[in-house]
Amino acid sequence: MPWRARSASVVLATVLTAAAFVAGCRAAVEDNSQAQQAPVVGENGLPQPRKIIIAFLGDSITAGYGLTSLQAYPAQVEQLFHGEGYQDVEVMNAGVTGDTTAGGRQRLEQLFSPEIRILVVALGGNDALRGLSTTQTRDNLAWIIDSAREHGLAVLLAGMQAPTNYGEDYQLNFRSVFSQLARDYRRQISYVPFLLEGVAGLPALNQEDGIHPNAEGQKIIAQHLYPSLRDLVDQVPQPAQ
């Protein structure tokens, strides 16, 4: 082959090789960009949203009876998350004054949506005030936990205690409802033994009725729940940035 022909072939091969390299790099960049934008897919095959909503299924204590919505402990929990940089965490206050575990069971389906990833179950106080069977309370709570987990929600169960005027036997049986559920669902749910830890029975942290926490009492409840909820949030899969 003449020298000029050989040179032309070499130049052409070099150009083609460079073009292929550039095209390959561009494709790799595009693929990487698409991978970063692609949402995380959950076990159910559906894309998982980035926003994490924590729903609080509770009664008047959760609703913030006698207070503003921002003073209720769910809103206080959200503020704690945002203060630590968890800007994608939001709360849904599903507290209803006077609600029992049976009422929460009936309302649960309203809380099933892709963005609600964690459910706090804070019911039982009104069951005790009405002297309802501890078996009913236990069965309702177990149904709520099972249904929430079937829909892919992480669950935090907050325990409650019965008033002292109901007698020691009822108090013990009522308290054991929550501790037994915690054992039955060990490593499947999170558990806080008493929602009102550090608040119940303290006049400075409760309203005049002696039952419902005031604004300061609600802050303490939020601080009490926050570490367990932060652990659950940290376990939620996040889409690539």
Protein backbone atom coordinates (compact mmCIF):
# COMPACT_ATOMS: atom_id res chain seq x y z
CA MET A 1 0.00 0.00 0.00
CA PRO A 2 1.37 3.49 -0.87
CA TRP A 3 2.50 5.63 2.04
CA ARG A 4 -0.23 8.23 1.55
CA ALA A 5 -2.90 5.53 1.45
CA ARG A 6 -1.48 3.98 4.62
CA SER A 7 -1.51 7.40 6.37
CA ALA A 8 -5.10 8.06 5.32
CA SER A 9 -6.15 4.66 6.72
CA VAL A 10 -4.42 5.34 10.02
CA VAL A 11 -6.04 8.77 10.33
CA LEU A 12 -9.48 7.35 9.50
CA ALA A 13 -9.09 4.56 12.06
CA THR A 14 -8.01 7.08 14.70
CA VAL A 15 -11.00 9.31 13.99
CA LEU A 16 -13.42 6.40 14.16
CA THR A 17 -11.90 5.18 17.42
CA ALA A 18 -12.15 8.66 18.96
CA ALA A 19 -15.75 9.04 17.81
CA ALA A 20 -16.65 5.69 19.34
CA PHE A 21 -14.97 6.68 22.60
CA VAL A 22 -16.84 9.99 22.76
CA ALA A 23 -20.15 8.26 22.00
CA GLY A 24 -19.48 5.69 24.69
CA CYS A 25 -18.71 8.38 27.26
CA ARG A 26 -21.87 10.28 26.36
CA ALA A 27 -23.96 7.12 26.70
CA ALA A 28 -22.37 6.35 30.07
CA VAL A 29 -23.12 9.87 31.33
CA GLU A 30 -26.72 9.65 30.12
CA ASP A 31 -27.18 6.22 31.69
CA ASN A 32 -25.74 7.47 34.98
CA SER A 33 -27.99 10.53 34.91
CA GLN A 34 -31.04 8.37 34.30
CA ALA A 35 -30.01 6.03 37.12
CA GLN A 36 -29.73 8.96 39.49
CA GLN A 37 -33.16 10.26 38.54
CA ALA A 38 -34.86 6.87 38.66
CA PRO A 39 -36.98 6.33 41.77
CA VAL A 40 -36.33 3.52 44.22
CA VAL A 41 -38.66 0.61 43.58
CA GLY A 42 -40.11 -1.15 46.59
CA GLU A 43 -40.86 -4.84 47.12
CA ASN A 44 -44.33 -4.29 45.63
CA GLY A 45 -42.73 -3.14 42.35
CA LEU A 46 -44.03 0.42 42.74
CA PRO A 47 -41.79 3.53 42.84
CA GLN A 48 -41.16 4.74 46.37
CA PRO A 49 -41.72 8.49 46.89
CA ARG A 50 -39.01 10.58 48.46
CA LYS A 51 -41.30 12.32 50.95
CA ILE A 52 -41.73 10.42 54.22
CA ILE A 53 -44.97 11.02 56.07
CA ILE A 54 -45.43 9.76 59.62
CA ALA A 55 -49.11 9.27 60.47
CA PHE A 56 -50.18 9.44 64.12
CA LEU A 57 -53.29 7.37 64.81
CA GLY A 58 -54.49 8.50 68.20
CA ASP A 59 -57.07 10.18 70.40
CA SER A 60 -57.38 13.61 72.05
CA ILE A 61 -53.82 13.54 73.35
CA THR A 62 -52.54 13.13 69.81
CA ALA A 63 -55.06 15.65 68.45
CA GLY A 64 -53.75 18.21 70.94
CA TYR A 65 -56.95 18.77 72.88
CA GLY A 66 -57.13 22.35 74.19
CA LEU A 67 -54.11 23.42 72.14
CA THR A 68 -53.28 24.55 68.63
CA SER A 69 -52.33 21.97 66.01
CA LEU A 70 -48.73 23.21 66.09
CA GLN A 71 -48.53 22.58 69.83
CA ALA A 72 -49.64 18.95 69.53
CA TYR A 73 -46.81 16.45 69.76
CA PRO A 74 -46.98 15.25 66.11
CA ALA A 75 -46.15 18.79 64.92
CA GLN A 76 -43.45 18.98 67.59
CA VAL A 77 -41.97 15.74 66.24
CA GLU A 78 -41.86 17.25 62.75
CA GLN A 79 -40.00 20.26 64.11
CA LEU A 80 -37.43 17.97 65.73
CA PHE A 81 -36.85 16.22 62.41
CA HIS A 82 -36.49 19.48 60.51
CA GLY A 83 -34.12 20.78 63.17
CA GLU A 84 -31.80 17.86 62.43
CA GLY A 85 -31.98 18.31 58.66
CA TYR A 86 -34.71 15.77 57.83
CA GLN A 87 -36.54 18.19 55.56
CA ASP A 88 -38.36 15.39 53.69
CA VAL A 89 -40.14 14.19 56.82
CA GLU A 90 -43.71 15.39 57.38
CA VAL A 91 -46.40 14.35 59.82
CA MET A 92 -50.12 13.65 59.55
CA ASN A 93 -52.07 14.12 62.75
CA ALA A 94 -54.86 11.53 62.71
CA GLY A 95 -55.83 12.06 66.32
CA VAL A 96 -59.56 12.15 67.08
CA THR A 97 -60.89 13.20 70.47
CA GLY A 98 -62.64 10.37 72.26
CA ASP A 99 -61.42 7.71 69.86
CA THR A 100 -60.92 4.12 70.99
CA THR A 101 -58.92 1.30 69.45
CA ALA A 102 -62.12 0.21 67.69
CA GLY A 103 -62.50 3.69 66.18
CA GLY A 104 -58.88 3.70 65.08
CA ARG A 105 -59.41 0.34 63.45
CA GLN A 106 -62.30 1.74 61.42
CA ARG A 107 -60.28 4.79 60.34
CA LEU A 108 -57.06 3.02 59.48
CA GLU A 109 -57.76 2.53 55.79
CA GLN A 110 -57.78 6.31 55.30
CA LEU A 111 -54.08 6.35 56.13
CA PHE A 112 -52.93 3.99 53.39
CA SER A 113 -51.12 6.04 50.74
CA PRO A 114 -47.66 5.72 49.10
CA GLU A 115 -46.20 8.68 50.99
CA ILE A 116 -47.25 7.48 54.45
CA ARG A 117 -44.38 5.23 55.43
CA ILE A 118 -44.61 5.09 59.23
CA LEU A 119 -47.61 4.66 61.52
CA VAL A 120 -47.60 5.63 65.18
CA VAL A 121 -50.36 3.80 67.07
CA ALA A 122 -51.22 5.85 70.15
CA LEU A 123 -54.62 4.49 71.17
CA GLY A 124 -56.06 2.78 74.21
CA GLY A 125 -56.55 5.54 76.74
CA ASN A 126 -60.27 5.85 76.02
CA ASP A 127 -60.66 2.07 76.11
CA ALA A 128 -59.46 2.23 79.70
CA LEU A 129 -61.60 5.25 80.61
CA ARG A 130 -64.66 3.37 79.38
CA GLY A 131 -63.61 0.16 81.10
CA LEU A 132 -63.62 -1.82 77.87
CA SER A 133 -62.39 -5.39 77.80
CA THR A 134 -58.61 -5.66 77.57
CA THR A 135 -59.15 -8.52 75.13
CA GLN A 136 -60.98 -6.15 72.79
CA THR A 137 -58.21 -3.59 73.11
CA ARG A 138 -55.57 -6.18 72.37
CA ASP A 139 -57.41 -7.61 69.35
CA ASN A 140 -58.02 -4.17 67.86
CA LEU A 141 -54.40 -3.11 68.27
CA ALA A 142 -53.15 -6.38 66.75
CA TRP A 143 -55.49 -5.90 63.78
CA ILE A 144 -54.21 -2.35 63.25
CA ILE A 145 -50.58 -3.51 63.40
CA ASP A 146 -51.17 -6.42 61.03
CA SER A 147 -53.04 -4.29 58.50
CA ALA A 148 -50.43 -1.53 58.58
CA ARG A 149 -47.58 -3.97 58.05
CA GLU A 150 -49.45 -5.67 55.19
CA HIS A 151 -49.53 -2.27 53.48
CA GLY A 152 -45.79 -1.82 53.96
CA LEU A 153 -45.87 0.65 56.86
CA ALA A 154 -43.35 0.62 59.65
CA VAL A 155 -45.17 0.70 63.00
CA LEU A 156 -44.40 2.31 66.33
CA LEU A 157 -46.71 1.21 69.14
CA ALA A 158 -47.01 3.64 72.04
CA GLY A 159 -48.21 2.06 75.28
CA MET A 160 -50.84 3.49 77.60
CA GLN A 161 -51.81 2.90 81.21
CA ALA A 162 -55.20 2.66 82.89
CA PRO A 163 -56.33 5.14 85.57
CA THR A 164 -55.62 4.10 89.16
CA ASN A 165 -59.32 4.12 90.13
CA TYR A 166 -59.99 1.02 87.98
CA GLY A 167 -58.29 -1.32 90.39
CA GLU A 168 -54.92 -3.04 90.35
CA ASP A 169 -56.02 -6.10 88.36
CA TYR A 170 -57.41 -4.05 85.49
CA GLN A 171 -54.35 -1.80 85.54
CA LEU A 172 -52.00 -4.75 85.26
CA ASN A 173 -54.05 -6.47 82.57
CA PHE A 174 -54.33 -3.26 80.58
CA ARG A 175 -50.61 -2.54 80.76
CA SER A 176 -49.81 -6.12 79.75
CA VAL A 177 -51.80 -5.67 76.52
CA PHE A 178 -49.05 -3.42 75.17
CA SER A 179 -46.07 -5.31 76.58
CA GLN A 180 -47.46 -8.59 75.21
CA LEU A 181 -47.96 -7.06 71.77
CA ALA A 182 -44.38 -5.80 71.89
CA ARG A 183 -43.23 -9.36 72.56
CA ASP A 184 -45.50 -10.87 69.92
CA TYR A 185 -44.17 -8.44 67.28
CA ARG A 186 -40.60 -8.40 68.46
CA ARG A 187 -38.24 -7.12 65.74
CA GLN A 188 -41.29 -6.35 63.59
CA ILE A 189 -42.40 -3.09 65.20
CA SER A 190 -40.95 -0.38 67.42
CA TYR A 191 -42.31 0.03 70.92
CA VAL A 192 -42.44 2.83 73.46
CA PRO A 193 -43.87 1.45 76.73
CA PHE A 194 -45.74 4.58 77.85
CA LEU A 195 -46.75 7.51 75.65
CA LEU A 196 -47.04 9.86 78.64
CA GLU A 197 -43.73 8.95 80.26
CA GLY A 198 -42.51 11.93 82.29
CA VAL A 199 -45.80 13.78 81.77
CA ALA A 200 -48.64 11.83 83.40
CA GLY A 201 -49.54 12.96 86.91
CA LEU A 202 -47.45 16.13 86.81
CA PRO A 203 -49.68 19.23 87.20
CA ALA A 204 -47.09 21.53 85.61
CA LEU A 205 -47.23 19.51 82.37
CA ASN A 206 -50.97 18.96 82.13
CA GLN A 207 -54.08 21.04 81.64
CA GLU A 208 -56.55 21.63 84.46
CA ASP A 209 -58.36 18.35 83.79
CA GLY A 210 -55.22 16.47 84.78
CA ILE A 211 -55.54 14.22 81.71
CA HIS A 212 -54.49 16.20 78.67
CA PRO A 213 -50.90 17.48 78.40
CA ASN A 214 -50.33 21.20 78.02
CA ALA A 215 -47.92 22.64 75.45
CA GLU A 216 -44.87 21.78 77.55
CA GLY A 217 -46.15 18.28 78.15
CA GLN A 218 -46.66 17.79 74.41
CA LYS A 219 -43.04 18.79 73.79
CA ILE A 220 -41.86 16.12 76.21
CA ILE A 221 -43.98 13.47 74.45
CA ALA A 222 -42.39 14.46 71.14
CA GLN A 223 -38.89 14.23 72.59
CA HIS A 224 -39.77 10.85 74.08
CA LEU A 225 -40.92 9.41 70.73
CA TYR A 226 -38.36 11.09 68.51
CA PRO A 227 -35.36 8.72 68.87
CA SER A 228 -37.44 5.68 67.91
CA LEU A 229 -39.05 7.51 65.00
CA ARG A 230 -35.70 8.77 63.75
CA ASP A 231 -34.45 5.17 63.69
CA LEU A 232 -37.47 4.16 61.60
CA VAL A 233 -36.97 7.07 59.19
CA ASP A 234 -33.32 6.14 58.76
CA GLN A 235 -34.41 2.67 57.68
CA VAL A 236 -36.75 3.93 54.93
CA PRO A 237 -35.15 3.42 51.47
CA GLN A 238 -34.35 6.73 49.79
CA PRO A 239 -34.22 7.44 46.05
CA ALA A 240 -30.84 8.31 44.56
CA GLN A 241 -30.15 12.04 44.44
